[in-house]
Amino acid sequence: MPEKNIDVLIVEDSEIDTMAVLRAFRKADITNATHQACDGVEALDMLRGTGGKSALPQPCLILLDINMPRMDGISMLDELREDDGIKDSIVFMLTTSGHTVDRKAAYERNVAGYFLKENLGPLVEMLKPYCQGNEFPV
């Protein structure tokens, strides 16, 4: 069976930070399809195929910021984990928040990892084999 690379959804309200992630992916030769959402509302629409958006293929790997307008990352995680169609999405937090309460809240919602934006390089290097060589259920 041919290997399927997972799609990546970057949920980030800062265009500069989104561009930094995309640049790091290019540098690491991560060629997975990437999609961008500016907040939790838009991301959920993209995952569900609502709000005029086409549904992203599942499973989806999500890089999620915490501090965003309209719907923050923790609130998005609450909705995501309650939705049977998308609850199995793999989420890594990528944020500036080093607060213990945010880390605890994220891990209570079953995130795969919690990274500060200053550690983008190590996150991307860890994601490369995960994105391109991991066996996901079909």
C-alpha atoms as a PDB file:
ATOM      1  CA  MET A   1       0.000   0.000   0.000  1.00  0.00           C
ATOM      2  CA  PRO A   2       1.475   3.422  -0.891  1.00  0.00           C
ATOM      3  CA  GLU A   3       2.592   5.639   1.941  1.00  0.00           C
ATOM      4  CA  LYS A   4       0.272   8.576   2.675  1.00  0.00           C
ATOM      5  CA  ASN A   5       1.789  11.763   4.000  1.00  0.00           C
ATOM      6  CA  ILE A   6      -0.404  13.524   6.530  1.00  0.00           C
ATOM      7  CA  ASP A   7      -1.715  17.054   5.918  1.00  0.00           C
ATOM      8  CA  VAL A   8      -0.559  19.749   8.362  1.00  0.00           C
ATOM      9  CA  LEU A   9      -2.815  22.541   9.638  1.00  0.00           C
ATOM     10  CA  ILE A  10      -1.070  25.560  11.156  1.00  0.00           C
ATOM     11  CA  VAL A  11      -3.436  27.450  13.453  1.00  0.00           C
ATOM     12  CA  GLU A  12      -1.758  30.779  14.130  1.00  0.00           C
ATOM     13  CA  ASP A  13      -2.926  34.402  14.135  1.00  0.00           C
ATOM     14  CA  SER A  14       0.531  35.795  13.357  1.00  0.00           C
ATOM     15  CA  GLU A  15       1.389  35.695   9.661  1.00  0.00           C
ATOM     16  CA  ILE A  16       5.062  36.146  10.570  1.00  0.00           C
ATOM     17  CA  ASP A  17       5.008  33.048  12.800  1.00  0.00           C
ATOM     18  CA  THR A  18       3.149  31.058  10.127  1.00  0.00           C
ATOM     19  CA  MET A  19       5.771  32.030   7.556  1.00  0.00           C
ATOM     20  CA  ALA A  20       8.530  30.979   9.988  1.00  0.00           C
ATOM     21  CA  VAL A  21       6.962  27.508  10.290  1.00  0.00           C
ATOM     22  CA  LEU A  22       6.638  27.181   6.508  1.00  0.00           C
ATOM     23  CA  ARG A  23      10.250  28.312   6.038  1.00  0.00           C
ATOM     24  CA  ALA A  24      11.424  25.765   8.629  1.00  0.00           C
ATOM     25  CA  PHE A  25       9.440  23.036   6.846  1.00  0.00           C
ATOM     26  CA  ARG A  26      11.079  23.919   3.512  1.00  0.00           C
ATOM     27  CA  LYS A  27      14.523  23.945   5.105  1.00  0.00           C
ATOM     28  CA  ALA A  28      13.866  20.507   6.624  1.00  0.00           C
ATOM     29  CA  ASP A  29      12.468  19.253   3.289  1.00  0.00           C
ATOM     30  CA  ILE A  30       9.022  18.551   4.754  1.00  0.00           C
ATOM     31  CA  THR A  31       6.803  18.489   1.691  1.00  0.00           C
ATOM     32  CA  ASN A  32       3.480  17.607   3.298  1.00  0.00           C
ATOM     33  CA  ALA A  33       0.466  19.636   2.227  1.00  0.00           C
ATOM     34  CA  THR A  34       0.072  22.563   4.628  1.00  0.00           C
ATOM     35  CA  HIS A  35      -2.986  24.665   5.388  1.00  0.00           C
ATOM     36  CA  GLN A  36      -3.298  27.796   7.507  1.00  0.00           C
ATOM     37  CA  ALA A  37      -6.061  29.050   9.801  1.00  0.00           C
ATOM     38  CA  CYS A  38      -5.924  32.341  11.720  1.00  0.00           C
ATOM     39  CA  ASP A  39      -7.869  31.097  14.778  1.00  0.00           C
ATOM     40  CA  GLY A  40      -9.785  28.169  16.245  1.00  0.00           C
ATOM     41  CA  VAL A  41     -13.051  29.050  14.497  1.00  0.00           C
ATOM     42  CA  GLU A  42     -11.482  28.951  11.038  1.00  0.00           C
ATOM     43  CA  ALA A  43      -9.503  25.796  11.897  1.00  0.00           C
ATOM     44  CA  LEU A  44     -12.610  23.920  13.018  1.00  0.00           C
ATOM     45  CA  ASP A  45     -14.415  24.970   9.826  1.00  0.00           C
ATOM     46  CA  MET A  46     -11.502  23.604   7.793  1.00  0.00           C
ATOM     47  CA  LEU A  47     -11.430  20.331   9.727  1.00  0.00           C
ATOM     48  CA  ARG A  48     -15.212  19.835   9.596  1.00  0.00           C
ATOM     49  CA  GLY A  49     -15.853  21.175   6.115  1.00  0.00           C
ATOM     50  CA  THR A  50     -18.209  23.880   7.395  1.00  0.00           C
ATOM     51  CA  GLY A  51     -18.381  27.659   6.929  1.00  0.00           C
ATOM     52  CA  GLY A  52     -17.776  27.348   3.195  1.00  0.00           C
ATOM     53  CA  LYS A  53     -14.520  25.402   3.684  1.00  0.00           C
ATOM     54  CA  SER A  54     -13.650  21.996   2.233  1.00  0.00           C
ATOM     55  CA  ALA A  55     -12.912  19.370   4.884  1.00  0.00           C
ATOM     56  CA  LEU A  56      -9.242  18.526   5.320  1.00  0.00           C
ATOM     57  CA  PRO A  57      -8.258  14.854   5.005  1.00  0.00           C
ATOM     58  CA  GLN A  58      -8.131  12.968   8.286  1.00  0.00           C
ATOM     59  CA  PRO A  59      -6.119  12.315  10.269  1.00  0.00           C
ATOM     60  CA  CYS A  60      -4.605  15.769  10.296  1.00  0.00           C
ATOM     61  CA  LEU A  61      -1.565  17.023  12.182  1.00  0.00           C
ATOM     62  CA  ILE A  62      -2.245  20.388  13.816  1.00  0.00           C
ATOM     63  CA  LEU A  63       0.291  22.951  15.035  1.00  0.00           C
ATOM     64  CA  LEU A  64      -1.798  25.064  17.411  1.00  0.00           C
ATOM     65  CA  ASP A  65      -1.124  28.409  19.045  1.00  0.00           C
ATOM     66  CA  ILE A  66      -2.864  29.211  22.341  1.00  0.00           C
ATOM     67  CA  ASN A  67      -3.355  32.979  22.257  1.00  0.00           C
ATOM     68  CA  MET A  68      -5.584  33.873  19.296  1.00  0.00           C
ATOM     69  CA  PRO A  69      -8.651  36.055  18.696  1.00  0.00           C
ATOM     70  CA  ARG A  70     -12.223  34.680  18.440  1.00  0.00           C
ATOM     71  CA  MET A  71     -11.271  31.208  19.712  1.00  0.00           C
ATOM     72  CA  ASP A  72      -8.040  30.396  21.512  1.00  0.00           C
ATOM     73  CA  GLY A  73      -6.172  27.118  21.259  1.00  0.00           C
ATOM     74  CA  ILE A  74      -7.475  25.564  24.471  1.00  0.00           C
ATOM     75  CA  SER A  75     -11.103  26.310  23.515  1.00  0.00           C
ATOM     76  CA  MET A  76     -10.445  24.836  20.086  1.00  0.00           C
ATOM     77  CA  LEU A  77      -9.029  21.696  21.688  1.00  0.00           C
ATOM     78  CA  ASP A  78     -12.210  21.365  23.778  1.00  0.00           C
ATOM     79  CA  GLU A  79     -14.376  21.422  20.637  1.00  0.00           C
ATOM     80  CA  LEU A  80     -12.007  19.236  18.665  1.00  0.00           C
ATOM     81  CA  ARG A  81     -11.954  16.461  21.267  1.00  0.00           C
ATOM     82  CA  GLU A  82     -15.784  16.481  21.496  1.00  0.00           C
ATOM     83  CA  ASP A  83     -16.279  16.042  17.728  1.00  0.00           C
ATOM     84  CA  ASP A  84     -16.199  12.367  16.689  1.00  0.00           C
ATOM     85  CA  GLY A  85     -15.240  13.257  13.112  1.00  0.00           C
ATOM     86  CA  ILE A  86     -12.038  15.096  14.008  1.00  0.00           C
ATOM     87  CA  LYS A  87     -11.206  14.159  17.610  1.00  0.00           C
ATOM     88  CA  ASP A  88      -8.347  11.904  16.527  1.00  0.00           C
ATOM     89  CA  SER A  89      -6.405  14.807  15.000  1.00  0.00           C
ATOM     90  CA  ILE A  90      -2.822  14.926  16.230  1.00  0.00           C
ATOM     91  CA  VAL A  91      -2.131  18.241  17.952  1.00  0.00           C
ATOM     92  CA  PHE A  92       1.177  19.828  18.881  1.00  0.00           C
ATOM     93  CA  MET A  93       1.029  23.138  20.701  1.00  0.00           C
ATOM     94  CA  LEU A  94       3.381  25.773  19.267  1.00  0.00           C
ATOM     95  CA  THR A  95       3.075  28.861  21.414  1.00  0.00           C
ATOM     96  CA  THR A  96       4.847  31.638  23.289  1.00  0.00           C
ATOM     97  CA  SER A  97       3.102  30.648  26.524  1.00  0.00           C
ATOM     98  CA  GLY A  98       5.412  28.921  28.941  1.00  0.00           C
ATOM     99  CA  HIS A  99       2.784  29.049  31.702  1.00  0.00           C
ATOM    100  CA  THR A 100       2.325  25.814  33.633  1.00  0.00           C
ATOM    101  CA  VAL A 101      -1.460  26.223  33.565  1.00  0.00           C
ATOM    102  CA  ASP A 102      -1.449  26.323  29.739  1.00  0.00           C
ATOM    103  CA  ARG A 103       0.795  23.258  29.466  1.00  0.00           C
ATOM    104  CA  LYS A 104      -1.386  21.361  31.920  1.00  0.00           C
ATOM    105  CA  ALA A 105      -4.585  22.354  30.087  1.00  0.00           C
ATOM    106  CA  ALA A 106      -3.123  21.262  26.749  1.00  0.00           C
ATOM    107  CA  TYR A 107      -1.934  17.869  27.992  1.00  0.00           C
ATOM    108  CA  GLU A 108      -5.295  17.267  29.696  1.00  0.00           C
ATOM    109  CA  ARG A 109      -6.745  17.540  26.177  1.00  0.00           C
ATOM    110  CA  ASN A 110      -4.378  14.906  24.811  1.00  0.00           C
ATOM    111  CA  VAL A 111      -1.878  16.953  22.835  1.00  0.00           C
ATOM    112  CA  ALA A 112       1.097  15.073  21.427  1.00  0.00           C
ATOM    113  CA  GLY A 113       3.569  17.758  22.503  1.00  0.00           C
ATOM    114  CA  TYR A 114       3.956  21.305  23.776  1.00  0.00           C
ATOM    115  CA  PHE A 115       6.668  23.474  22.222  1.00  0.00           C
ATOM    116  CA  LEU A 116       7.613  27.108  22.648  1.00  0.00           C
ATOM    117  CA  LYS A 117       8.021  29.030  19.390  1.00  0.00           C
ATOM    118  CA  GLU A 118      11.661  29.643  20.247  1.00  0.00           C
ATOM    119  CA  ASN A 119      12.140  25.860  19.863  1.00  0.00           C
ATOM    120  CA  LEU A 120      10.734  25.705  16.332  1.00  0.00           C
ATOM    121  CA  GLY A 121      13.850  24.055  14.869  1.00  0.00           C
ATOM    122  CA  PRO A 122      13.830  21.024  17.181  1.00  0.00           C
ATOM    123  CA  LEU A 123      10.038  20.649  16.717  1.00  0.00           C
ATOM    124  CA  VAL A 124      10.368  20.611  12.920  1.00  0.00           C
ATOM    125  CA  GLU A 125      13.231  18.096  13.024  1.00  0.00           C
ATOM    126  CA  MET A 126      11.127  15.844  15.277  1.00  0.00           C
ATOM    127  CA  LEU A 127       8.098  16.212  12.982  1.00  0.00           C
ATOM    128  CA  LYS A 128       9.921  15.275   9.779  1.00  0.00           C
ATOM    129  CA  PRO A 129       9.986  11.489  10.279  1.00  0.00           C
ATOM    130  CA  TYR A 130       6.596  11.666  11.991  1.00  0.00           C
ATOM    131  CA  CYS A 131       5.001  13.422   9.004  1.00  0.00           C
ATOM    132  CA  GLN A 132       6.677  11.374   6.314  1.00  0.00           C
ATOM    133  CA  GLY A 133       7.200   7.918   7.718  1.00  0.00           C
ATOM    134  CA  ASN A 134       4.538   7.262  10.318  1.00  0.00           C
ATOM    135  CA  GLU A 135       1.828   4.674   9.614  1.00  0.00           C
ATOM    136  CA  PHE A 136      -1.607   6.211  10.193  1.00  0.00           C
ATOM    137  CA  PRO A 137      -4.928   4.351  10.199  1.00  0.00           C
ATOM    138  CA  VAL A 138      -6.845   4.693   6.963  1.00  0.00           C
END
